[in-house]
Amino acid sequence: YSDITAGAADQELVSSADLIDEFDTA
């Protein structure tokens, strides 16, 4: 038996597909 409470739906919204590989920038 397992009982798990976890964060979810933690996606990031970016404005452009060109940012697919950019992280921690303005």
mmCIF file of all heavy atoms, coordinates in Angstrom:
data_MODEL
# 
_entry.id   MODEL 
# 
loop_
_atom_site.group_PDB 
_atom_site.id 
_atom_site.type_symbol 
_atom_site.label_atom_id 
_atom_site.label_alt_id 
_atom_site.label_comp_id 
_atom_site.label_asym_id 
_atom_site.label_entity_id 
_atom_site.label_seq_id 
_atom_site.pdbx_PDB_ins_code 
_atom_site.Cartn_x 
_atom_site.Cartn_y 
_atom_site.Cartn_z 
_atom_site.occupancy 
_atom_site.B_iso_or_equiv 
_atom_site.pdbx_formal_charge 
_atom_site.auth_seq_id 
_atom_site.auth_comp_id 
_atom_site.auth_asym_id 
_atom_site.auth_atom_id 
_atom_site.pdbx_PDB_model_num 
ATOM 1   N N   . TYR A 1 1  ? 0.858  -1.188 0.000   1.00 0.00 ? 1  TYR A N   1 
ATOM 2   C CA  . TYR A 1 1  ? 0.000  0.000  0.000   1.00 0.00 ? 1  TYR A CA  1 
ATOM 3   C C   . TYR A 1 1  ? 0.890  1.233  0.000   1.00 0.00 ? 1  TYR A C   1 
ATOM 4   O O   . TYR A 1 1  ? 1.882  1.311  0.739   1.00 0.00 ? 1  TYR A O   1 
ATOM 5   C CB  . TYR A 1 1  ? -0.919 0.032  1.222   1.00 0.00 ? 1  TYR A CB  1 
ATOM 6   C CG  . TYR A 1 1  ? -1.733 1.305  1.311   1.00 0.00 ? 1  TYR A CG  1 
ATOM 7   C CD1 . TYR A 1 1  ? -2.845 1.488  0.495   1.00 0.00 ? 1  TYR A CD1 1 
ATOM 8   C CD2 . TYR A 1 1  ? -1.369 2.334  2.184   1.00 0.00 ? 1  TYR A CD2 1 
ATOM 9   C CE1 . TYR A 1 1  ? -3.587 2.668  0.558   1.00 0.00 ? 1  TYR A CE1 1 
ATOM 10  C CE2 . TYR A 1 1  ? -2.103 3.500  2.250   1.00 0.00 ? 1  TYR A CE2 1 
ATOM 11  C CZ  . TYR A 1 1  ? -3.211 3.667  1.430   1.00 0.00 ? 1  TYR A CZ  1 
ATOM 12  O OH  . TYR A 1 1  ? -3.932 4.826  1.478   1.00 0.00 ? 1  TYR A OH  1 
ATOM 13  N N   . SER A 1 2  ? 0.552  2.215  -0.840  1.00 0.00 ? 2  SER A N   1 
ATOM 14  C CA  . SER A 1 2  ? 1.293  3.465  -0.913  1.00 0.00 ? 2  SER A CA  1 
ATOM 15  C C   . SER A 1 2  ? 0.323  4.636  -0.885  1.00 0.00 ? 2  SER A C   1 
ATOM 16  O O   . SER A 1 2  ? -0.735 4.588  -1.529  1.00 0.00 ? 2  SER A O   1 
ATOM 17  C CB  . SER A 1 2  ? 2.134  3.543  -2.194  1.00 0.00 ? 2  SER A CB  1 
ATOM 18  O OG  . SER A 1 2  ? 3.140  2.561  -2.207  1.00 0.00 ? 2  SER A OG  1 
ATOM 19  N N   . ASP A 1 3  ? 0.701  5.667  -0.155  1.00 0.00 ? 3  ASP A N   1 
ATOM 20  C CA  . ASP A 1 3  ? -0.076 6.904  -0.081  1.00 0.00 ? 3  ASP A CA  1 
ATOM 21  C C   . ASP A 1 3  ? 0.879  8.043  -0.422  1.00 0.00 ? 3  ASP A C   1 
ATOM 22  O O   . ASP A 1 3  ? 1.885  8.250  0.271   1.00 0.00 ? 3  ASP A O   1 
ATOM 23  C CB  . ASP A 1 3  ? -0.658 7.073  1.319   1.00 0.00 ? 3  ASP A CB  1 
ATOM 24  C CG  . ASP A 1 3  ? -1.560 8.305  1.428   1.00 0.00 ? 3  ASP A CG  1 
ATOM 25  O OD1 . ASP A 1 3  ? -1.941 8.853  0.374   1.00 0.00 ? 3  ASP A OD1 1 
ATOM 26  O OD2 . ASP A 1 3  ? -1.861 8.715  2.558   1.00 0.00 ? 3  ASP A OD2 1 
ATOM 27  N N   . ILE A 1 4  ? 0.574  8.783  -1.508  1.00 0.00 ? 4  ILE A N   1 
ATOM 28  C CA  . ILE A 1 4  ? 1.489  9.804  -2.012  1.00 0.00 ? 4  ILE A CA  1 
ATOM 29  C C   . ILE A 1 4  ? 0.725  11.112 -2.207  1.00 0.00 ? 4  ILE A C   1 
ATOM 30  O O   . ILE A 1 4  ? -0.330 11.135 -2.844  1.00 0.00 ? 4  ILE A O   1 
ATOM 31  C CB  . ILE A 1 4  ? 2.120  9.381  -3.353  1.00 0.00 ? 4  ILE A CB  1 
ATOM 32  C CG1 . ILE A 1 4  ? 2.800  8.018  -3.233  1.00 0.00 ? 4  ILE A CG1 1 
ATOM 33  C CG2 . ILE A 1 4  ? 3.117  10.426 -3.840  1.00 0.00 ? 4  ILE A CG2 1 
ATOM 34  C CD1 . ILE A 1 4  ? 3.282  7.455  -4.559  1.00 0.00 ? 4  ILE A CD1 1 
ATOM 35  N N   . THR A 1 5  ? 1.271  12.183 -1.666  1.00 0.00 ? 5  THR A N   1 
ATOM 36  C CA  . THR A 1 5  ? 0.808  13.533 -1.968  1.00 0.00 ? 5  THR A CA  1 
ATOM 37  C C   . THR A 1 5  ? 1.986  14.277 -2.585  1.00 0.00 ? 5  THR A C   1 
ATOM 38  O O   . THR A 1 5  ? 3.062  14.338 -1.975  1.00 0.00 ? 5  THR A O   1 
ATOM 39  C CB  . THR A 1 5  ? 0.340  14.264 -0.702  1.00 0.00 ? 5  THR A CB  1 
ATOM 40  O OG1 . THR A 1 5  ? -0.758 13.554 -0.130  1.00 0.00 ? 5  THR A OG1 1 
ATOM 41  C CG2 . THR A 1 5  ? -0.106 15.683 -1.034  1.00 0.00 ? 5  THR A CG2 1 
ATOM 42  N N   . ALA A 1 6  ? 1.806  14.804 -3.789  1.00 0.00 ? 6  ALA A N   1 
ATOM 43  C CA  . ALA A 1 6  ? 2.944  15.382 -4.505  1.00 0.00 ? 6  ALA A CA  1 
ATOM 44  C C   . ALA A 1 6  ? 2.513  16.578 -5.326  1.00 0.00 ? 6  ALA A C   1 
ATOM 45  O O   . ALA A 1 6  ? 1.348  16.708 -5.722  1.00 0.00 ? 6  ALA A O   1 
ATOM 46  C CB  . ALA A 1 6  ? 3.581  14.330 -5.418  1.00 0.00 ? 6  ALA A CB  1 
ATOM 47  N N   . GLY A 1 7  ? 3.476  17.444 -5.598  1.00 0.00 ? 7  GLY A N   1 
ATOM 48  C CA  . GLY A 1 7  ? 3.226  18.557 -6.496  1.00 0.00 ? 7  GLY A CA  1 
ATOM 49  C C   . GLY A 1 7  ? 2.967  18.074 -7.906  1.00 0.00 ? 7  GLY A C   1 
ATOM 50  O O   . GLY A 1 7  ? 3.479  17.049 -8.335  1.00 0.00 ? 7  GLY A O   1 
ATOM 51  N N   . ALA A 1 8  ? 2.142  18.824 -8.638  1.00 0.00 ? 8  ALA A N   1 
ATOM 52  C CA  . ALA A 1 8  ? 1.790  18.428 -9.999  1.00 0.00 ? 8  ALA A CA  1 
ATOM 53  C C   . ALA A 1 8  ? 1.475  19.680 -10.806 1.00 0.00 ? 8  ALA A C   1 
ATOM 54  O O   . ALA A 1 8  ? 1.356  20.783 -10.269 1.00 0.00 ? 8  ALA A O   1 
ATOM 55  C CB  . ALA A 1 8  ? 0.587  17.484 -9.994  1.00 0.00 ? 8  ALA A CB  1 
ATOM 56  N N   . ALA A 1 9  ? 1.326  19.481 -12.103 1.00 0.00 ? 9  ALA A N   1 
ATOM 57  C CA  . ALA A 1 9  ? 1.030  20.595 -13.007 1.00 0.00 ? 9  ALA A CA  1 
ATOM 58  C C   . ALA A 1 9  ? 2.006  21.741 -12.794 1.00 0.00 ? 9  ALA A C   1 
ATOM 59  O O   . ALA A 1 9  ? 1.623  22.904 -12.638 1.00 0.00 ? 9  ALA A O   1 
ATOM 60  C CB  . ALA A 1 9  ? -0.420 21.068 -12.835 1.00 0.00 ? 9  ALA A CB  1 
ATOM 61  N N   . ASP A 1 10 ? 3.307  21.414 -12.778 1.00 0.00 ? 10 ASP A N   1 
ATOM 62  C CA  . ASP A 1 10 ? 4.324  22.423 -12.498 1.00 0.00 ? 10 ASP A CA  1 
ATOM 63  C C   . ASP A 1 10 ? 5.015  22.917 -13.770 1.00 0.00 ? 10 ASP A C   1 
ATOM 64  O O   . ASP A 1 10 ? 6.149  23.368 -13.735 1.00 0.00 ? 10 ASP A O   1 
ATOM 65  C CB  . ASP A 1 10 ? 5.367  21.873 -11.522 1.00 0.00 ? 10 ASP A CB  1 
ATOM 66  C CG  . ASP A 1 10 ? 6.043  20.611 -12.029 1.00 0.00 ? 10 ASP A CG  1 
ATOM 67  O OD1 . ASP A 1 10 ? 5.826  20.228 -13.197 1.00 0.00 ? 10 ASP A OD1 1 
ATOM 68  O OD2 . ASP A 1 10 ? 6.804  20.002 -11.255 1.00 0.00 ? 10 ASP A OD2 1 
ATOM 69  N N   . GLN A 1 11 ? 4.300  22.868 -14.901 1.00 0.00 ? 11 GLN A N   1 
ATOM 70  C CA  . GLN A 1 11 ? 4.906  23.316 -16.157 1.00 0.00 ? 11 GLN A CA  1 
ATOM 71  C C   . GLN A 1 11 ? 5.169  24.821 -16.158 1.00 0.00 ? 11 GLN A C   1 
ATOM 72  O O   . GLN A 1 11 ? 4.571  25.582 -15.407 1.00 0.00 ? 11 GLN A O   1 
ATOM 73  C CB  . GLN A 1 11 ? 4.005  22.966 -17.353 1.00 0.00 ? 11 GLN A CB  1 
ATOM 74  C CG  . GLN A 1 11 ? 3.660  21.497 -17.476 1.00 0.00 ? 11 GLN A CG  1 
ATOM 75  C CD  . GLN A 1 11 ? 2.261  21.212 -17.023 1.00 0.00 ? 11 GLN A CD  1 
ATOM 76  O OE1 . GLN A 1 11 ? 1.833  21.690 -15.970 1.00 0.00 ? 11 GLN A OE1 1 
ATOM 77  N NE2 . GLN A 1 11 ? 1.522  20.453 -17.807 1.00 0.00 ? 11 GLN A NE2 1 
ATOM 78  N N   . GLU A 1 12 ? 6.030  25.186 -17.084 1.00 0.00 ? 12 GLU A N   1 
ATOM 79  C CA  . GLU A 1 12 ? 6.378  26.590 -17.277 1.00 0.00 ? 12 GLU A CA  1 
ATOM 80  C C   . GLU A 1 12 ? 5.775  27.087 -18.583 1.00 0.00 ? 12 GLU A C   1 
ATOM 81  O O   . GLU A 1 12 ? 5.767  26.361 -19.576 1.00 0.00 ? 12 GLU A O   1 
ATOM 82  C CB  . GLU A 1 12 ? 7.906  26.740 -17.321 1.00 0.00 ? 12 GLU A CB  1 
ATOM 83  C CG  . GLU A 1 12 ? 8.379  28.146 -17.596 1.00 0.00 ? 12 GLU A CG  1 
ATOM 84  C CD  . GLU A 1 12 ? 9.901  28.222 -17.634 1.00 0.00 ? 12 GLU A CD  1 
ATOM 85  O OE1 . GLU A 1 12 ? 10.559 27.165 -17.570 1.00 0.00 ? 12 GLU A OE1 1 
ATOM 86  O OE2 . GLU A 1 12 ? 10.420 29.350 -17.742 1.00 0.00 ? 12 GLU A OE2 1 
ATOM 87  N N   . LEU A 1 13 ? 5.263  28.292 -18.587 1.00 0.00 ? 13 LEU A N   1 
ATOM 88  C CA  . LEU A 1 13 ? 4.736  28.914 -19.797 1.00 0.00 ? 13 LEU A CA  1 
ATOM 89  C C   . LEU A 1 13 ? 5.812  29.811 -20.404 1.00 0.00 ? 13 LEU A C   1 
ATOM 90  O O   . LEU A 1 13 ? 6.324  30.705 -19.741 1.00 0.00 ? 13 LEU A O   1 
ATOM 91  C CB  . LEU A 1 13 ? 3.492  29.742 -19.483 1.00 0.00 ? 13 LEU A CB  1 
ATOM 92  C CG  . LEU A 1 13 ? 2.782  30.357 -20.697 1.00 0.00 ? 13 LEU A CG  1 
ATOM 93  C CD1 . LEU A 1 13 ? 2.067  29.283 -21.500 1.00 0.00 ? 13 LEU A CD1 1 
ATOM 94  C CD2 . LEU A 1 13 ? 1.804  31.439 -20.254 1.00 0.00 ? 13 LEU A CD2 1 
ATOM 95  N N   . VAL A 1 14 ? 6.175  29.532 -21.670 1.00 0.00 ? 14 VAL A N   1 
ATOM 96  C CA  . VAL A 1 14 ? 7.128  30.389 -22.384 1.00 0.00 ? 14 VAL A CA  1 
ATOM 97  C C   . VAL A 1 14 ? 6.432  30.942 -23.623 1.00 0.00 ? 14 VAL A C   1 
ATOM 98  O O   . VAL A 1 14 ? 5.480  30.363 -24.141 1.00 0.00 ? 14 VAL A O   1 
ATOM 99  C CB  . VAL A 1 14 ? 8.412  29.621 -22.766 1.00 0.00 ? 14 VAL A CB  1 
ATOM 100 C CG1 . VAL A 1 14 ? 9.160  29.179 -21.526 1.00 0.00 ? 14 VAL A CG1 1 
ATOM 101 C CG2 . VAL A 1 14 ? 8.102  28.423 -23.659 1.00 0.00 ? 14 VAL A CG2 1 
ATOM 102 N N   . SER A 1 15 ? 6.920  32.064 -24.097 1.00 0.00 ? 15 SER A N   1 
ATOM 103 C CA  . SER A 1 15 ? 6.211  32.798 -25.145 1.00 0.00 ? 15 SER A CA  1 
ATOM 104 C C   . SER A 1 15 ? 6.501  32.282 -26.547 1.00 0.00 ? 15 SER A C   1 
ATOM 105 O O   . SER A 1 15 ? 5.726  32.537 -27.466 1.00 0.00 ? 15 SER A O   1 
ATOM 106 C CB  . SER A 1 15 ? 6.570  34.283 -25.070 1.00 0.00 ? 15 SER A CB  1 
ATOM 107 O OG  . SER A 1 15 ? 7.979  34.461 -25.246 1.00 0.00 ? 15 SER A OG  1 
ATOM 108 N N   . SER A 1 16 ? 7.624  31.556 -26.727 1.00 0.00 ? 16 SER A N   1 
ATOM 109 C CA  . SER A 1 16 ? 8.043  31.188 -28.073 1.00 0.00 ? 16 SER A CA  1 
ATOM 110 C C   . SER A 1 16 ? 8.612  29.783 -28.082 1.00 0.00 ? 16 SER A C   1 
ATOM 111 O O   . SER A 1 16 ? 9.249  29.346 -27.109 1.00 0.00 ? 16 SER A O   1 
ATOM 112 C CB  . SER A 1 16 ? 9.097  32.175 -28.587 1.00 0.00 ? 16 SER A CB  1 
ATOM 113 O OG  . SER A 1 16 ? 9.720  31.696 -29.765 1.00 0.00 ? 16 SER A OG  1 
ATOM 114 N N   . ALA A 1 17 ? 8.426  29.087 -29.189 1.00 0.00 ? 17 ALA A N   1 
ATOM 115 C CA  . ALA A 1 17 ? 9.020  27.764 -29.350 1.00 0.00 ? 17 ALA A CA  1 
ATOM 116 C C   . ALA A 1 17 ? 10.535 27.833 -29.389 1.00 0.00 ? 17 ALA A C   1 
ATOM 117 O O   . ALA A 1 17 ? 11.212 26.836 -29.118 1.00 0.00 ? 17 ALA A O   1 
ATOM 118 C CB  . ALA A 1 17 ? 8.492  27.104 -30.628 1.00 0.00 ? 17 ALA A CB  1 
ATOM 119 N N   . ASP A 1 18 ? 11.090 28.990 -29.687 1.00 0.00 ? 18 ASP A N   1 
ATOM 120 C CA  . ASP A 1 18 ? 12.544 29.155 -29.708 1.00 0.00 ? 18 ASP A CA  1 
ATOM 121 C C   . ASP A 1 18 ? 13.154 29.030 -28.314 1.00 0.00 ? 18 ASP A C   1 
ATOM 122 O O   . ASP A 1 18 ? 14.372 28.882 -28.177 1.00 0.00 ? 18 ASP A O   1 
ATOM 123 C CB  . ASP A 1 18 ? 12.923 30.518 -30.287 1.00 0.00 ? 18 ASP A CB  1 
ATOM 124 C CG  . ASP A 1 18 ? 12.524 30.654 -31.752 1.00 0.00 ? 18 ASP A CG  1 
ATOM 125 O OD1 . ASP A 1 18 ? 12.434 29.613 -32.437 1.00 0.00 ? 18 ASP A OD1 1 
ATOM 126 O OD2 . ASP A 1 18 ? 12.285 31.791 -32.207 1.00 0.00 ? 18 ASP A OD2 1 
ATOM 127 N N   . LEU A 1 19 ? 12.308 29.083 -27.274 1.00 0.00 ? 19 LEU A N   1 
ATOM 128 C CA  . LEU A 1 19 ? 12.799 29.015 -25.898 1.00 0.00 ? 19 LEU A CA  1 
ATOM 129 C C   . LEU A 1 19 ? 12.788 27.599 -25.338 1.00 0.00 ? 19 LEU A C   1 
ATOM 130 O O   . LEU A 1 19 ? 12.990 27.406 -24.137 1.00 0.00 ? 19 LEU A O   1 
ATOM 131 C CB  . LEU A 1 19 ? 11.948 29.920 -25.002 1.00 0.00 ? 19 LEU A CB  1 
ATOM 132 C CG  . LEU A 1 19 ? 11.930 31.403 -25.366 1.00 0.00 ? 19 LEU A CG  1 
ATOM 133 C CD1 . LEU A 1 19 ? 10.933 32.148 -24.483 1.00 0.00 ? 19 LEU A CD1 1 
ATOM 134 C CD2 . LEU A 1 19 ? 13.323 32.009 -25.228 1.00 0.00 ? 19 LEU A CD2 1 
ATOM 135 N N   . ILE A 1 20 ? 12.580 26.606 -26.188 1.00 0.00 ? 20 ILE A N   1 
ATOM 136 C CA  . ILE A 1 20 ? 12.418 25.231 -25.709 1.00 0.00 ? 20 ILE A CA  1 
ATOM 137 C C   . ILE A 1 20 ? 13.624 24.752 -24.915 1.00 0.00 ? 20 ILE A C   1 
ATOM 138 O O   . ILE A 1 20 ? 13.508 23.963 -23.985 1.00 0.00 ? 20 ILE A O   1 
ATOM 139 C CB  . ILE A 1 20 ? 12.126 24.274 -26.887 1.00 0.00 ? 20 ILE A CB  1 
ATOM 140 C CG1 . ILE A 1 20 ? 11.712 22.896 -26.353 1.00 0.00 ? 20 ILE A CG1 1 
ATOM 141 C CG2 . ILE A 1 20 ? 13.304 24.181 -27.847 1.00 0.00 ? 20 ILE A CG2 1 
ATOM 142 C CD1 . ILE A 1 20 ? 11.179 21.972 -27.426 1.00 0.00 ? 20 ILE A CD1 1 
ATOM 143 N N   . ASP A 1 21 ? 14.814 25.254 -25.252 1.00 0.00 ? 21 ASP A N   1 
ATOM 144 C CA  . ASP A 1 21 ? 16.036 24.821 -24.566 1.00 0.00 ? 21 ASP A CA  1 
ATOM 145 C C   . ASP A 1 21 ? 16.652 25.915 -23.699 1.00 0.00 ? 21 ASP A C   1 
ATOM 146 O O   . ASP A 1 21 ? 17.817 25.838 -23.328 1.00 0.00 ? 21 ASP A O   1 
ATOM 147 C CB  . ASP A 1 21 ? 17.076 24.340 -25.582 1.00 0.00 ? 21 ASP A CB  1 
ATOM 148 C CG  . ASP A 1 21 ? 17.099 22.826 -25.704 1.00 0.00 ? 21 ASP A CG  1 
ATOM 149 O OD1 . ASP A 1 21 ? 16.581 22.165 -24.791 1.00 0.00 ? 21 ASP A OD1 1 
ATOM 150 O OD2 . ASP A 1 21 ? 17.626 22.308 -26.703 1.00 0.00 ? 21 ASP A OD2 1 
ATOM 151 N N   . GLU A 1 22 ? 15.863 26.942 -23.352 1.00 0.00 ? 22 GLU A N   1 
ATOM 152 C CA  . GLU A 1 22 ? 16.358 28.012 -22.483 1.00 0.00 ? 22 GLU A CA  1 
ATOM 153 C C   . GLU A 1 22 ? 15.789 27.849 -21.081 1.00 0.00 ? 22 GLU A C   1 
ATOM 154 O O   . GLU A 1 22 ? 14.600 27.581 -20.906 1.00 0.00 ? 22 GLU A O   1 
ATOM 155 C CB  . GLU A 1 22 ? 15.973 29.387 -23.035 1.00 0.00 ? 22 GLU A CB  1 
ATOM 156 C CG  . GLU A 1 22 ? 16.957 29.941 -24.036 1.00 0.00 ? 22 GLU A CG  1 
ATOM 157 C CD  . GLU A 1 22 ? 16.827 31.459 -24.188 1.00 0.00 ? 22 GLU A CD  1 
ATOM 158 O OE1 . GLU A 1 22 ? 16.664 32.149 -23.161 1.00 0.00 ? 22 GLU A OE1 1 
ATOM 159 O OE2 . GLU A 1 22 ? 16.870 31.924 -25.329 1.00 0.00 ? 22 GLU A OE2 1 
ATOM 160 N N   . PHE A 1 23 ? 16.661 28.045 -20.066 1.00 0.00 ? 23 PHE A N   1 
ATOM 161 C CA  . PHE A 1 23 ? 16.239 27.906 -18.679 1.00 0.00 ? 23 PHE A CA  1 
ATOM 162 C C   . PHE A 1 23 ? 16.857 29.025 -17.846 1.00 0.00 ? 23 PHE A C   1 
ATOM 163 O O   . PHE A 1 23 ? 17.996 29.449 -18.087 1.00 0.00 ? 23 PHE A O   1 
ATOM 164 C CB  . PHE A 1 23 ? 16.664 26.547 -18.117 1.00 0.00 ? 23 PHE A CB  1 
ATOM 165 C CG  . PHE A 1 23 ? 16.044 25.381 -18.833 1.00 0.00 ? 23 PHE A CG  1 
ATOM 166 C CD1 . PHE A 1 23 ? 16.660 24.822 -19.947 1.00 0.00 ? 23 PHE A CD1 1 
ATOM 167 C CD2 . PHE A 1 23 ? 14.832 24.861 -18.421 1.00 0.00 ? 23 PHE A CD2 1 
ATOM 168 C CE1 . PHE A 1 23 ? 16.091 23.763 -20.621 1.00 0.00 ? 23 PHE A CE1 1 
ATOM 169 C CE2 . PHE A 1 23 ? 14.248 23.792 -19.091 1.00 0.00 ? 23 PHE A CE2 1 
ATOM 170 C CZ  . PHE A 1 23 ? 14.881 23.250 -20.197 1.00 0.00 ? 23 PHE A CZ  1 
ATOM 171 N N   . ASP A 1 24 ? 16.085 29.485 -16.871 1.00 0.00 ? 24 ASP A N   1 
ATOM 172 C CA  . ASP A 1 24 ? 16.570 30.490 -15.914 1.00 0.00 ? 24 ASP A CA  1 
ATOM 173 C C   . ASP A 1 24 ? 17.104 31.743 -16.601 1.00 0.00 ? 24 ASP A C   1 
ATOM 174 O O   . ASP A 1 24 ? 18.180 32.258 -16.269 1.00 0.00 ? 24 ASP A O   1 
ATOM 175 C CB  . ASP A 1 24 ? 17.654 29.877 -15.014 1.00 0.00 ? 24 ASP A CB  1 
ATOM 176 C CG  . ASP A 1 24 ? 17.128 28.690 -14.225 1.00 0.00 ? 24 ASP A CG  1 
ATOM 177 O OD1 . ASP A 1 24 ? 15.970 28.739 -13.796 1.00 0.00 ? 24 ASP A OD1 1 
ATOM 178 O OD2 . ASP A 1 24 ? 17.881 27.715 -14.064 1.00 0.00 ? 24 ASP A OD2 1 
ATOM 179 N N   . THR A 1 25 ? 16.352 32.230 -17.585 1.00 0.00 ? 25 THR A N   1 
ATOM 180 C CA  . THR A 1 25 ? 16.688 33.492 -18.248 1.00 0.00 ? 25 THR A CA  1 
ATOM 181 C C   . THR A 1 25 ? 15.513 34.447 -18.078 1.00 0.00 ? 25 THR A C   1 
ATOM 182 O O   . THR A 1 25 ? 14.441 34.064 -17.583 1.00 0.00 ? 25 THR A O   1 
ATOM 183 C CB  . THR A 1 25 ? 16.968 33.277 -19.739 1.00 0.00 ? 25 THR A CB  1 
ATOM 184 O OG1 . THR A 1 25 ? 15.755 32.854 -20.396 1.00 0.00 ? 25 THR A OG1 1 
ATOM 185 C CG2 . THR A 1 25 ? 18.050 32.224 -19.959 1.00 0.00 ? 25 THR A CG2 1 
ATOM 186 N N   . ALA A 1 26 ? 15.697 35.692 -18.508 1.00 0.00 ? 26 ALA A N   1 
ATOM 187 C CA  . ALA A 1 26 ? 14.616 36.672 -18.399 1.00 0.00 ? 26 ALA A CA  1 
ATOM 188 C C   . ALA A 1 26 ? 13.402 36.236 -19.208 1.00 0.00 ? 26 ALA A C   1 
ATOM 189 O O   . ALA A 1 26 ? 12.256 36.482 -18.819 1.00 0.00 ? 26 ALA A O   1 
ATOM 190 C CB  . ALA A 1 26 ? 15.112 38.040 -18.869 1.00 0.00 ? 26 ALA A CB  1 
# 
